[in-house]
């Protein structure tokens, strides 16, 4: 067929509309890489200077956010959680973003708190990289008060440190991104990349609210090139780590119910009560000494490389610190730091979460439970097959059921699963990140081969993006500053350096040419945005010669035929390269 394109001037013979370019000079792939952007080093220097000059203003605003007790557990904090998300919404609106705030009612059993999600977009030009920045505003409970020497909901500045709940793990990173982009916009007038924000208030509840609504917004993610989120993976001084692999998971539910048809002789024995059989089945999965007991559990898993072992040895992480933080008496594989980190970062794991039993109303009642439900999960690493792991767990429990001669009814089912994500260690955005880190921190970025990071919501978001999209975990704080620790803190110097890092990172990303997205969104290259004077459509010089696009396979017309064609159609237009693409033929 002949496609006439959006402007009715194409006239290209093609198989379908996906092959039509609708006018050479209209699409970003018609321009050389160096002609698609005009950002200069001085723009970056001006933006960094502007951010430094506004540093105290940013810290004051961060203090006001820290004071909001947006704790993710407890309906009594719902009002303050909504206040925090509304404040961010207002700030993004003032920066020129298109903002949609969603209110998600609780859908998870045991949850009563309403969740809030922001989808915000700043679109500048179709020639620029599309970046999604994921962040969250909720914080975990403060825990025992003795862990805090400073007020957790007031940002304390002492001896060059910033203390407060969320300053290094939740509110601090996402607000730093907003401050950095605000500084660039106000100083330069436009952004070098197209930015979209996904901000939620249920991160510590498994992002259930966000996961329930992203499936209804595929258009928001369809043209995304990169997903950015922050991590606390400064594993040592001058040693940031940026993993390229994300873990997946499978959540199982095992139910044991009394078999009333079983013989009285069998059920009378203590070891054949429903609770006893449940305990024996769960104990068959793992123990504290040998870890996971499922046969071939680590099959298909790539062993740590020499590079990974160097990173593990470099990391300033110990088992004693972890046990003290989470009040754990004993850990599997705690003999050495290297053994512990290998199993924590590189290998799959099995975790038992909960055992649910209907309790009697009075403790004086003698009650033998007839139905017990246990929940456990398997953490998957790249190269593991979900189907194969499901088979292993089912086969292992089936063999254990027969070996233990269980008599009660046992049911196993999968309630949720997510495939692991493995990406290239040499993509263009990781190269940009290396340049940015070298500029700001003057240190080497460690990119491992098999070490993973666990943030399931990123895997979910990635499924809706461009096939060539990537994810990037930006180290924001030290590995010692975990979300559940007391006296959460970050140095004021590092917070300022992170602002500069974010500014430098978006500049470096803007220097990388992106592909045309017309195949995933029709006429994407015709979209207009906030960009003024920097759009790729204005890069062709006015004095450049223009050439008429001829219809495919059509013989060239003589001057006389061209004049006659114009006379027959007074509104006929040529598709021209350059700014004057639509001038009427004389």
Protein backbone atom coordinates (compact mmCIF):
# COMPACT_ATOMS: atom_id res chain seq x y z
CA UNK A 1 0.00 0.00 0.00
CA UNK A 2 0.95 3.66 -0.22
CA UNK A 3 1.20 5.40 3.16
CA UNK A 4 0.62 9.15 3.11
CA UNK A 5 1.80 9.59 6.67
CA UNK A 6 0.67 12.06 9.31
CA UNK A 7 1.00 15.05 7.01
CA UNK A 8 -0.39 13.38 3.86
CA UNK A 9 2.84 13.94 1.95
CA UNK A 10 4.81 10.73 2.27
CA UNK A 11 3.72 8.73 -0.76
CA UNK A 12 6.04 5.82 0.14
CA UNK A 13 5.16 2.35 -1.09
CA UNK A 14 5.63 0.00 1.85
CA UNK A 15 4.34 -3.23 3.35
CA UNK A 16 2.63 -1.55 6.30
CA UNK A 17 2.74 1.71 8.23
CA UNK A 18 5.55 0.48 10.51
CA UNK A 19 7.98 0.75 7.57
CA UNK A 20 7.01 4.31 6.68
CA UNK A 21 9.31 7.13 7.81
CA UNK A 22 6.75 9.82 6.96
CA UNK A 23 9.31 12.33 5.78
CA UNK A 24 13.11 12.09 5.95
CA UNK A 25 14.39 14.78 8.27
CA UNK A 26 11.45 14.30 10.63
CA UNK A 27 12.83 11.29 12.53
CA UNK A 28 15.78 11.23 14.93
CA UNK A 29 17.42 8.37 13.06
CA UNK A 30 17.86 10.72 10.07
CA UNK A 31 20.39 12.79 12.02
CA UNK A 32 23.90 11.96 13.09
CA UNK A 33 24.52 11.39 16.78
CA UNK A 34 26.42 14.64 17.24
CA UNK A 35 23.55 16.60 15.65
CA UNK A 36 20.86 15.44 18.08
CA UNK A 37 21.88 17.51 21.10
CA UNK A 38 23.62 20.78 21.84
CA UNK A 39 24.41 20.50 25.54
CA UNK A 40 27.72 21.94 26.66
CA UNK A 41 30.04 21.41 29.60
CA UNK A 42 29.25 24.95 30.69
CA UNK A 43 25.58 23.98 31.11
CA UNK A 44 26.58 21.25 33.55
CA UNK A 45 28.94 23.59 35.40
CA UNK A 46 26.21 26.23 35.71
CA UNK A 47 23.70 23.67 37.00
CA UNK A 48 26.14 22.31 39.59
CA UNK A 49 26.95 25.83 40.75
CA UNK A 50 23.25 26.64 41.06
CA UNK A 51 22.65 23.48 43.12
CA UNK A 52 25.56 24.32 45.43
CA UNK A 53 24.23 27.85 45.94
CA UNK A 54 20.82 26.43 46.90
CA UNK A 55 22.25 23.69 49.13
CA UNK A 56 20.94 25.13 52.38
CA UNK A 57 17.49 25.61 50.85
CA UNK A 58 17.44 21.96 49.79
CA UNK A 59 18.48 20.76 53.27
CA UNK A 60 15.79 22.91 54.87
CA UNK A 61 13.16 21.36 52.57
CA UNK A 62 14.50 17.88 53.32
CA UNK A 63 14.18 18.58 57.05
CA UNK A 64 10.50 19.43 56.59
CA UNK A 65 10.00 16.10 54.75
CA UNK A 66 11.82 14.12 57.46
CA UNK A 67 9.46 15.58 60.08
CA UNK A 68 6.48 13.95 58.38
CA UNK A 69 5.98 10.53 59.99
CA UNK A 70 5.08 8.59 56.85
CA UNK A 71 5.46 5.16 58.47
CA UNK A 72 4.19 2.44 56.17
CA UNK A 73 2.70 0.27 58.93
CA UNK A 74 -0.25 1.64 60.85
CA UNK A 75 -3.46 3.38 59.81
CA UNK A 76 -2.70 6.14 62.32
CA UNK A 77 0.05 7.41 59.98
CA UNK A 78 -2.15 7.55 56.88
CA UNK A 79 -2.79 11.31 57.14
CA UNK A 80 0.89 12.15 57.35
CA UNK A 81 1.71 9.73 54.53
CA UNK A 82 -0.78 11.54 52.32
CA UNK A 83 0.73 14.87 53.37
CA UNK A 84 4.19 13.77 52.20
CA UNK A 85 2.98 12.62 48.78
CA UNK A 86 0.91 15.78 48.27
CA UNK A 87 3.91 17.95 49.05
CA UNK A 88 5.97 16.17 46.38
CA UNK A 89 3.05 16.39 43.95
CA UNK A 90 2.85 20.16 44.41
CA UNK A 91 6.60 20.59 43.89
CA UNK A 92 6.56 18.58 40.66
CA UNK A 93 3.60 20.60 39.37
CA UNK A 94 5.52 23.82 40.02
CA UNK A 95 8.43 22.38 38.01
CA UNK A 96 6.20 21.87 34.97
CA UNK A 97 5.54 18.15 35.25
CA UNK A 98 2.32 16.45 34.27
CA UNK A 99 1.36 14.72 37.53
CA UNK A 100 -1.18 12.03 38.32
CA UNK A 101 -1.61 10.96 41.94
CA UNK A 102 -3.39 7.66 42.53
CA UNK A 103 -5.05 6.56 45.76
CA UNK A 104 -4.97 2.79 46.18
CA UNK A 105 -7.13 1.13 48.79
CA UNK A 106 -5.55 -1.75 50.73
CA UNK A 107 -5.85 -5.11 48.98
CA UNK A 108 -3.46 -7.21 51.08
CA UNK A 109 -4.80 -9.19 54.02
CA UNK A 110 -3.89 -7.49 57.28
CA UNK A 111 -3.24 -4.08 55.67
CA UNK A 112 -5.54 -1.15 56.45
CA UNK A 113 -3.49 1.82 55.29
CA UNK A 114 -4.34 3.55 52.01
CA UNK A 115 -1.42 3.72 49.58
CA UNK A 116 -0.53 6.59 47.26
CA UNK A 117 1.36 6.57 43.97
CA UNK A 118 2.59 9.45 41.80
CA UNK A 119 3.14 9.19 38.04
CA UNK A 120 4.83 12.37 36.81
CA UNK A 121 6.33 13.24 33.43
CA UNK A 122 8.44 16.04 31.98
CA UNK A 123 8.68 15.62 28.21
CA UNK A 124 11.17 17.84 26.41
CA UNK A 125 11.92 16.30 23.02
CA UNK A 126 11.56 12.94 21.23
CA UNK A 127 15.31 13.01 20.53
CA UNK A 128 16.20 12.70 24.22
CA UNK A 129 16.62 9.71 26.49
CA UNK A 130 13.51 8.72 28.44
CA UNK A 131 14.38 8.07 32.09
CA UNK A 132 12.11 6.74 34.85
CA UNK A 133 13.22 7.55 38.39
CA UNK A 134 11.69 5.25 41.00
CA UNK A 135 11.52 6.32 44.63
CA UNK A 136 9.41 6.06 47.76
CA UNK A 137 8.46 8.25 50.72
CA UNK A 138 7.43 5.71 53.35
CA UNK A 139 9.76 4.71 56.16
CA UNK A 140 9.83 1.65 58.44
CA UNK A 141 9.00 1.92 62.15
CA UNK A 142 11.79 3.43 64.25
CA UNK A 143 12.21 0.28 66.36
CA UNK A 144 13.54 0.40 69.94
CA UNK A 145 14.10 3.96 71.12
CA UNK A 146 17.46 3.05 72.61
CA UNK A 147 18.82 2.65 69.06
CA UNK A 148 18.36 6.38 68.51
CA UNK A 149 20.44 9.12 70.08
CA UNK A 150 18.71 11.75 67.91
CA UNK A 151 15.06 12.45 67.15
CA UNK A 152 14.28 10.15 64.17
CA UNK A 153 11.68 12.58 62.79
CA UNK A 154 13.81 15.67 62.88
CA UNK A 155 16.86 16.08 60.68
CA UNK A 156 19.75 16.69 63.06
CA UNK A 157 22.93 18.27 61.68
CA UNK A 158 25.87 17.39 63.89
CA UNK A 159 29.61 17.16 63.17
CA UNK A 160 29.03 17.18 59.41
CA UNK A 161 26.40 14.41 59.53
CA UNK A 162 22.68 14.42 58.77
CA UNK A 163 20.55 12.21 61.06
CA UNK A 164 16.91 11.25 60.58
CA UNK A 165 14.62 8.42 59.52
CA UNK A 166 14.71 8.18 55.71
CA UNK A 167 17.57 10.64 55.15
CA UNK A 168 19.76 7.97 53.53
CA UNK A 169 17.29 5.33 52.31
CA UNK A 170 13.94 6.76 51.16
CA UNK A 171 13.19 10.48 51.35
CA UNK A 172 16.81 11.57 51.03
CA UNK A 173 17.48 9.95 47.61
CA UNK A 174 14.19 10.84 45.89
CA UNK A 175 14.25 14.43 47.15
CA UNK A 176 17.87 14.75 45.98
CA UNK A 177 16.74 13.80 42.48
CA UNK A 178 13.98 16.40 42.58
CA UNK A 179 16.36 19.09 43.87
CA UNK A 180 18.95 18.28 41.18
CA UNK A 181 16.42 18.45 38.34
CA UNK A 182 14.92 21.65 39.75
CA UNK A 183 18.35 23.28 39.84
CA UNK A 184 19.05 22.30 36.23
CA UNK A 185 15.66 23.53 34.99
CA UNK A 186 15.82 26.90 36.70
CA UNK A 187 19.40 27.53 35.65
CA UNK A 188 19.34 26.23 32.05
CA UNK A 189 15.63 26.39 31.23
CA UNK A 190 15.19 22.81 30.06
CA UNK A 191 16.32 19.27 30.90
CA UNK A 192 18.77 17.26 28.76
CA UNK A 193 16.63 14.12 29.17
CA UNK A 194 12.93 13.34 29.40
CA UNK A 195 12.14 12.49 33.03
CA UNK A 196 9.33 10.45 34.53
CA UNK A 197 8.84 9.82 38.23
CA UNK A 198 7.20 6.83 39.90
CA UNK A 199 6.91 7.58 43.63
CA UNK A 200 5.00 5.44 46.10
CA UNK A 201 4.25 5.15 49.81
CA UNK A 202 4.09 1.35 50.19
CA UNK A 203 7.65 0.25 49.48
CA UNK A 204 8.03 -1.47 52.85
CA UNK A 205 4.72 -3.27 52.28
CA UNK A 206 5.97 -4.95 49.11
CA UNK A 207 4.76 -2.19 46.73
CA UNK A 208 1.44 -3.99 46.47
CA UNK A 209 -0.46 -0.81 45.60
CA UNK A 210 1.92 0.13 42.79
CA UNK A 211 2.04 -3.40 41.41
CA UNK A 212 -1.73 -3.41 41.20
CA UNK A 213 -2.00 -0.34 38.96
CA UNK A 214 1.06 -0.29 36.67
CA UNK A 215 -0.57 -2.87 34.40
CA UNK A 216 -3.18 -0.23 33.52
CA UNK A 217 -0.52 2.28 32.38
CA UNK A 218 1.57 0.61 29.69
CA UNK A 219 1.78 3.88 27.72
CA UNK A 220 3.65 5.53 30.58
CA UNK A 221 6.51 3.01 30.29
CA UNK A 222 6.38 1.99 26.62
CA UNK A 223 9.14 4.36 25.41
CA UNK A 224 11.37 4.27 28.51
CA UNK A 225 15.11 3.73 27.93
CA UNK A 226 16.33 3.55 31.54
CA UNK A 227 14.98 2.93 35.05
CA UNK A 228 16.97 4.52 37.87
CA UNK A 229 16.67 3.74 41.56
CA UNK A 230 19.00 4.33 44.49
CA UNK A 231 20.75 1.77 46.68
CA UNK A 232 22.98 1.73 49.76
CA UNK A 233 25.84 -0.11 48.09
CA UNK A 234 28.86 1.93 49.02
CA UNK A 235 30.51 -1.27 50.20
CA UNK A 236 33.65 0.53 51.46
CA UNK A 237 35.33 3.92 51.31
CA UNK A 238 35.76 4.90 47.66
CA UNK A 239 34.14 1.61 46.59
CA UNK A 240 30.62 1.93 45.11
CA UNK A 241 29.08 -1.24 43.67
CA UNK A 242 26.56 -1.27 40.81
CA UNK A 243 25.04 -4.74 40.23
CA UNK A 244 23.51 -5.54 36.85
CA UNK A 245 21.34 -8.44 38.05
CA UNK A 246 18.07 -8.32 39.97
CA UNK A 247 16.67 -11.25 41.91
CA UNK A 248 13.29 -12.79 41.28
CA UNK A 249 11.12 -14.81 43.63
CA UNK A 250 8.43 -17.45 44.02
CA UNK A 251 6.01 -17.29 46.98
CA UNK A 252 4.58 -20.60 48.12
CA UNK A 253 1.75 -21.48 50.48
CA UNK A 254 1.70 -24.91 52.11
CA UNK A 255 -1.56 -25.94 53.76
CA UNK A 256 -2.02 -28.99 55.97
CA UNK A 257 -5.60 -29.91 56.85
CA UNK A 258 -6.93 -32.68 59.04
CA UNK A 259 -7.87 -35.82 57.17
CA UNK A 260 -11.04 -37.02 58.82
CA UNK A 261 -11.01 -40.18 56.74
CA UNK A 262 -7.70 -41.32 58.25
CA UNK A 263 -7.74 -44.15 60.77
CA UNK A 264 -8.12 -43.23 64.42
CA UNK A 265 -5.02 -45.22 65.29
CA UNK A 266 -2.82 -43.11 62.96
CA UNK A 267 -4.26 -39.73 63.94
CA UNK A 268 -4.01 -40.50 67.66
CA UNK A 269 -0.22 -40.54 67.48
CA UNK A 270 1.36 -37.19 68.25
CA UNK A 271 3.66 -37.19 65.24
CA UNK A 272 0.63 -37.40 62.96
CA UNK A 273 -1.22 -34.36 64.17
CA UNK A 274 -1.64 -31.68 61.44
CA UNK A 275 0.71 -29.29 63.27
CA UNK A 276 3.38 -31.96 63.71
CA UNK A 277 3.25 -32.90 60.04
CA UNK A 278 3.50 -29.24 59.03
CA UNK A 279 6.59 -28.78 61.20
CA UNK A 280 8.23 -31.89 59.77
CA UNK A 281 7.53 -30.82 56.18
CA UNK A 282 8.90 -27.31 56.73
CA UNK A 283 11.97 -28.65 58.54
CA UNK A 284 12.69 -30.84 55.54
CA UNK A 285 13.25 -27.73 53.42
CA UNK A 286 16.18 -26.26 55.36
CA UNK A 287 18.07 -26.23 58.63
CA UNK A 288 20.39 -23.76 60.32
CA UNK A 289 23.51 -25.87 59.81
CA UNK A 290 23.26 -27.03 56.20
CA UNK A 291 21.00 -24.34 54.74
CA UNK A 292 18.61 -25.33 51.94
CA UNK A 293 18.11 -29.11 51.77
CA UNK A 294 16.32 -29.21 48.40
CA UNK A 295 18.32 -31.32 45.96
CA UNK A 296 19.77 -29.47 42.93
CA UNK A 297 18.60 -26.16 44.38
CA UNK A 298 21.72 -24.36 43.08
CA UNK A 299 21.68 -26.02 39.70
CA UNK A 300 21.98 -23.61 36.73
CA UNK A 301 23.44 -20.94 39.03
CA UNK A 302 26.62 -19.27 37.81
CA UNK A 303 29.39 -19.42 40.44
CA UNK A 304 31.05 -16.15 41.57
CA UNK A 305 33.85 -15.00 39.29
CA UNK A 306 37.28 -13.70 40.32
CA UNK A 307 35.93 -10.18 39.99
CA UNK A 308 33.06 -11.02 42.35
CA UNK A 309 35.46 -12.50 44.92
CA UNK A 310 37.55 -9.33 44.81
CA UNK A 311 34.42 -7.26 45.50
CA UNK A 312 33.31 -9.59 48.30
CA UNK A 313 36.72 -9.35 49.96
CA UNK A 314 36.67 -5.56 49.59
CA UNK A 315 33.23 -5.14 51.18
CA UNK A 316 33.23 -3.88 54.76
CA UNK A 317 30.31 -6.07 55.82
CA UNK A 318 30.39 -8.56 58.69
CA UNK A 319 28.04 -11.14 60.10
CA UNK A 320 28.19 -9.66 63.62
CA UNK A 321 26.92 -6.30 62.39
CA UNK A 322 24.03 -7.96 60.57
CA UNK A 323 23.03 -10.04 63.60
CA UNK A 324 23.13 -7.03 65.91
CA UNK A 325 21.09 -4.92 63.50
CA UNK A 326 18.28 -7.46 63.12
CA UNK A 327 18.62 -9.08 66.57
CA UNK A 328 19.52 -12.52 65.19
CA UNK A 329 21.42 -15.06 67.23
CA UNK A 330 22.70 -17.22 64.41
CA UNK A 331 23.04 -17.06 60.63
CA UNK A 332 23.64 -19.76 58.05
CA UNK A 333 27.10 -19.60 56.56
CA UNK A 334 28.42 -17.27 59.24
CA UNK A 335 31.87 -18.87 59.49
CA UNK A 336 33.51 -16.22 57.33
CA UNK A 337 32.52 -12.92 55.77
CA UNK A 338 33.25 -14.26 52.30
CA UNK A 339 31.05 -17.32 52.76
CA UNK A 340 28.24 -15.23 54.20
CA UNK A 341 28.32 -12.61 51.40
CA UNK A 342 28.56 -15.27 48.69
CA UNK A 343 25.29 -16.83 49.85
CA UNK A 344 23.68 -13.44 50.48
CA UNK A 345 24.61 -11.78 47.19
CA UNK A 346 25.22 -14.55 44.64
CA UNK A 347 23.12 -17.62 45.45
CA UNK A 348 19.39 -18.38 45.71
CA UNK A 349 17.78 -18.54 49.14
CA UNK A 350 14.75 -20.05 50.82
CA UNK A 351 12.96 -18.12 53.58
CA UNK A 352 10.10 -19.17 55.85
CA UNK A 353 7.85 -16.19 56.55
CA UNK A 354 4.83 -17.20 58.58
CA UNK A 355 2.81 -20.04 60.08
CA UNK A 356 -0.89 -19.25 60.53
CA UNK A 357 -3.17 -21.10 62.94
CA UNK A 358 -6.68 -20.21 64.08
CA UNK A 359 -6.33 -19.61 67.81
CA UNK A 360 -9.16 -20.24 70.29
CA UNK A 361 -10.83 -17.30 71.98
CA UNK A 362 -9.71 -18.47 75.42
CA UNK A 363 -6.30 -19.77 76.39
CA UNK A 364 -8.00 -22.18 78.80
CA UNK A 365 -9.47 -24.13 75.89
CA UNK A 366 -7.47 -27.17 74.87
CA UNK A 367 -7.26 -26.84 71.12
CA UNK A 368 -5.57 -28.92 68.49
CA UNK A 369 -5.46 -27.01 65.19
CA UNK A 370 -6.98 -28.85 62.26
CA UNK A 371 -5.75 -26.46 59.54
CA UNK A 372 -2.32 -24.83 59.39
CA UNK A 373 -1.01 -22.55 56.65
CA UNK A 374 2.69 -21.80 56.14
CA UNK A 375 4.17 -19.21 53.81
CA UNK A 376 7.68 -19.41 52.39
CA UNK A 377 9.53 -18.04 49.40
CA UNK A 378 12.48 -18.80 47.15
CA UNK A 379 14.73 -15.96 46.04
CA UNK A 380 15.86 -16.57 42.46
CA UNK A 381 19.04 -15.39 40.81
CA UNK A 382 19.63 -14.96 37.05
CA UNK A 383 19.80 -18.11 34.91
CA UNK A 384 17.38 -19.91 37.24
CA UNK A 385 14.14 -21.15 35.72
CA UNK A 386 10.96 -20.51 37.70
CA UNK A 387 9.38 -23.65 36.26
CA UNK A 388 12.33 -25.78 37.32
CA UNK A 389 12.42 -24.36 40.86
CA UNK A 390 8.68 -24.94 41.25
CA UNK A 391 9.22 -28.55 40.21
CA UNK A 392 12.09 -28.97 42.70
CA UNK A 393 10.04 -27.66 45.65
CA UNK A 394 6.99 -29.72 44.76
CA UNK A 395 9.05 -32.89 44.20
CA UNK A 396 11.00 -32.39 47.44
CA UNK A 397 7.88 -31.91 49.57
CA UNK A 398 6.17 -34.83 47.84
CA UNK A 399 9.09 -37.12 48.67
CA UNK A 400 9.20 -35.83 52.25
CA UNK A 401 5.44 -36.40 52.64
CA UNK A 402 5.83 -40.05 51.67
CA UNK A 403 9.04 -40.58 53.65
CA UNK A 404 7.45 -39.19 56.82
CA UNK A 405 4.28 -41.27 56.17
CA UNK A 406 2.02 -38.27 56.60
CA UNK A 407 -1.71 -38.96 56.70
CA UNK A 408 -3.29 -35.51 56.60
CA UNK A 409 -4.12 -33.55 53.47
CA UNK A 410 -1.28 -31.29 52.25
CA UNK A 411 -1.67 -28.75 49.47
CA UNK A 412 1.08 -26.62 47.89
CA UNK A 413 0.36 -23.66 45.66
CA UNK A 414 2.17 -20.65 44.21
CA UNK A 415 0.59 -17.29 45.05
CA UNK A 416 3.11 -14.95 43.40
CA UNK A 417 6.24 -15.12 41.26
CA UNK A 418 8.60 -12.84 39.39
CA UNK A 419 11.41 -13.78 37.04
CA UNK A 420 14.96 -12.57 37.81
CA UNK A 421 16.49 -9.88 35.63
CA UNK A 422 19.98 -9.99 34.15
CA UNK A 423 21.39 -7.14 32.06
CA UNK A 424 24.53 -6.29 30.15
CA UNK A 425 27.46 -5.03 32.18
CA UNK A 426 28.65 -2.90 29.26
CA UNK A 427 25.56 -0.95 28.13
CA UNK A 428 25.85 2.74 27.25
CA UNK A 429 24.21 3.96 30.44
CA UNK A 430 26.61 2.09 32.69
CA UNK A 431 29.41 3.71 30.75
CA UNK A 432 27.79 7.12 31.40
CA UNK A 433 27.55 6.24 35.07
CA UNK A 434 31.27 5.42 35.22
CA UNK A 435 32.11 8.81 33.68
CA UNK A 436 29.80 10.61 36.13
CA UNK A 437 31.22 8.84 39.17
CA UNK A 438 34.77 9.54 38.05
CA UNK A 439 33.95 13.23 37.68
CA UNK A 440 32.39 13.64 41.11
CA UNK A 441 34.01 11.05 43.41
CA UNK A 442 37.21 10.24 41.48
CA UNK A 443 36.90 6.56 42.31
CA UNK A 444 36.36 3.29 40.50
CA UNK A 445 32.87 1.86 40.11
CA UNK A 446 32.73 -1.89 40.80
CA UNK A 447 30.39 -3.73 38.43
CA UNK A 448 30.14 -7.43 39.44
CA UNK A 449 29.26 -10.41 37.29
CA UNK A 450 26.98 -12.51 39.50
CA UNK A 451 26.23 -10.32 42.55
CA UNK A 452 22.54 -9.40 42.59
CA UNK A 453 20.35 -6.71 44.08
CA UNK A 454 16.84 -7.39 45.36
CA UNK A 455 14.15 -4.83 44.45
CA UNK A 456 11.25 -6.73 42.85
CA UNK A 457 9.25 -3.66 41.82
CA UNK A 458 12.03 -2.71 39.39
CA UNK A 459 11.61 -6.07 37.64
CA UNK A 460 7.90 -5.31 37.30
CA UNK A 461 8.48 -1.84 35.85
CA UNK A 462 11.09 -3.17 33.44
CA UNK A 463 8.57 -5.51 31.80
CA UNK A 464 6.63 -2.56 30.34
CA UNK A 465 9.61 -0.60 28.98
CA UNK A 466 11.44 -0.67 25.64
CA UNK A 467 12.93 -4.07 24.75
CA UNK A 468 16.35 -2.40 24.87
CA UNK A 469 15.74 -0.64 28.21
CA UNK A 470 18.11 -0.95 31.17
CA UNK A 471 18.03 -0.48 34.94
CA UNK A 472 20.59 1.33 37.05
CA UNK A 473 21.01 1.13 40.84
CA UNK A 474 22.82 4.31 41.90
CA UNK A 475 24.72 3.93 45.21
CA UNK A 476 23.53 6.73 47.48
CA UNK A 477 24.71 5.76 50.97
CA UNK A 478 26.90 3.29 52.80
CA UNK A 479 26.02 -0.38 53.09
CA UNK A 480 26.00 0.13 56.87
CA UNK A 481 22.98 2.48 56.67
CA UNK A 482 20.23 -0.09 56.27
CA UNK A 483 16.57 0.96 56.49
CA UNK A 484 15.91 -0.66 59.89
CA UNK A 485 18.97 0.66 61.69
CA UNK A 486 18.89 3.30 64.38
CA UNK A 487 20.52 6.71 63.97
CA UNK A 488 20.13 6.54 60.19
CA UNK A 489 22.57 9.06 58.74
CA UNK A 490 24.58 10.33 55.81
CA UNK A 491 27.36 12.89 55.73
CA UNK A 492 26.41 16.37 54.56
CA UNK A 493 29.34 16.29 52.15
CA UNK A 494 28.16 13.04 50.55
CA UNK A 495 24.62 14.37 50.21
CA UNK A 496 25.98 17.36 48.31
CA UNK A 497 28.14 15.08 46.17
CA UNK A 498 25.09 12.96 45.37
CA UNK A 499 23.32 16.08 44.09
CA UNK A 500 26.29 16.77 41.83
CA UNK A 501 26.38 13.10 40.78
CA UNK A 502 22.73 13.20 39.69
CA UNK A 503 23.30 16.37 37.66
CA UNK A 504 26.38 14.88 36.03
CA UNK A 505 24.60 11.60 35.35
CA UNK A 506 21.74 13.20 33.41
CA UNK A 507 24.27 15.20 31.42
CA UNK A 508 26.25 12.08 30.54
CA UNK A 509 23.07 10.20 29.63
CA UNK A 510 22.08 13.06 27.30
CA UNK A 511 25.33 12.53 25.40
CA UNK A 512 24.25 9.01 24.40
CA UNK A 513 22.13 8.76 21.25
CA UNK A 514 18.89 6.82 21.63
CA UNK A 515 16.96 4.86 19.03
CA UNK A 516 13.83 5.99 17.25
CA UNK A 517 10.70 4.92 19.14
CA UNK A 518 8.18 5.19 16.30
CA UNK A 519 7.96 1.39 16.19
CA UNK A 520 6.63 1.22 19.75
CA UNK A 521 4.62 4.47 19.65
CA UNK A 522 3.27 5.69 16.34
CA UNK A 523 4.52 9.13 15.22
CA UNK A 524 6.61 9.47 18.37
CA UNK A 525 9.10 11.70 16.55
CA UNK A 526 6.34 14.23 15.86
CA UNK A 527 5.64 14.81 19.56
CA UNK A 528 6.33 18.26 20.92
CA UNK A 529 7.47 19.03 24.44
CA UNK A 530 9.04 21.67 26.64
CA UNK A 531 12.21 21.81 24.54
CA UNK A 532 12.84 25.20 22.91
CA UNK A 533 15.70 25.83 20.53
CA UNK A 534 17.42 22.54 21.45
CA UNK A 535 15.11 20.16 19.60
CA UNK A 536 16.68 17.93 16.97
CA UNK A 537 14.27 19.39 14.37
CA UNK A 538 16.17 22.67 14.49
CA UNK A 539 19.65 21.30 13.93
CA UNK A 540 19.66 21.58 10.11
CA UNK A 541 21.20 24.82 8.87
CA UNK A 542 18.90 27.17 6.98
CA UNK A 543 21.35 27.38 4.09
CA UNK A 544 21.49 23.65 3.54
CA UNK A 545 20.24 22.42 0.16
CA UNK A 546 16.91 20.63 0.21
CA UNK A 547 15.85 17.64 -1.84
CA UNK A 548 12.39 16.44 -2.80
CA UNK A 549 11.49 12.93 -1.68
CA UNK A 550 10.26 10.92 -4.65
CA UNK A 551 7.73 8.13 -4.45
CA UNK A 552 9.32 4.70 -4.32
CA UNK A 553 9.81 3.12 -7.76
CA UNK A 554 8.35 6.19 -9.50
CA UNK A 555 10.27 7.51 -12.55
CA UNK A 556 11.66 11.03 -12.18
CA UNK A 557 9.34 13.72 -13.58
CA UNK A 558 10.37 16.39 -16.04
CA UNK A 559 10.07 20.06 -15.20
CA UNK A 560 6.98 20.30 -17.39
CA UNK A 561 5.28 17.37 -15.59
CA UNK A 562 6.06 18.92 -12.20
CA UNK A 563 4.46 22.25 -13.24
CA UNK A 564 1.37 20.45 -14.54
CA UNK A 565 1.09 18.41 -11.34
CA UNK A 566 1.13 21.56 -9.26
CA UNK A 567 -1.53 23.18 -11.41
CA UNK A 568 -3.84 20.20 -10.99
CA UNK A 569 -3.47 20.27 -7.19
CA UNK A 570 -3.03 23.74 -5.74
CA UNK A 571 -2.50 22.39 -2.22
CA UNK A 572 0.26 19.95 -3.18
CA UNK A 573 3.35 20.08 -0.95
CA UNK A 574 6.80 18.60 -1.12
CA UNK A 575 8.44 16.98 1.90
CA UNK A 576 11.65 18.94 2.33
CA UNK A 577 14.63 18.50 4.58
CA UNK A 578 15.47 21.35 6.91
CA UNK A 579 13.26 23.84 8.72
CA UNK A 580 11.23 24.76 5.63
CA UNK A 581 9.86 21.28 5.05
CA UNK A 582 6.33 22.34 4.16
CA UNK A 583 6.66 25.34 1.90
CA UNK A 584 4.10 25.31 -0.90
CA UNK A 585 5.39 24.70 -4.39
CA UNK A 586 5.34 27.78 -6.59
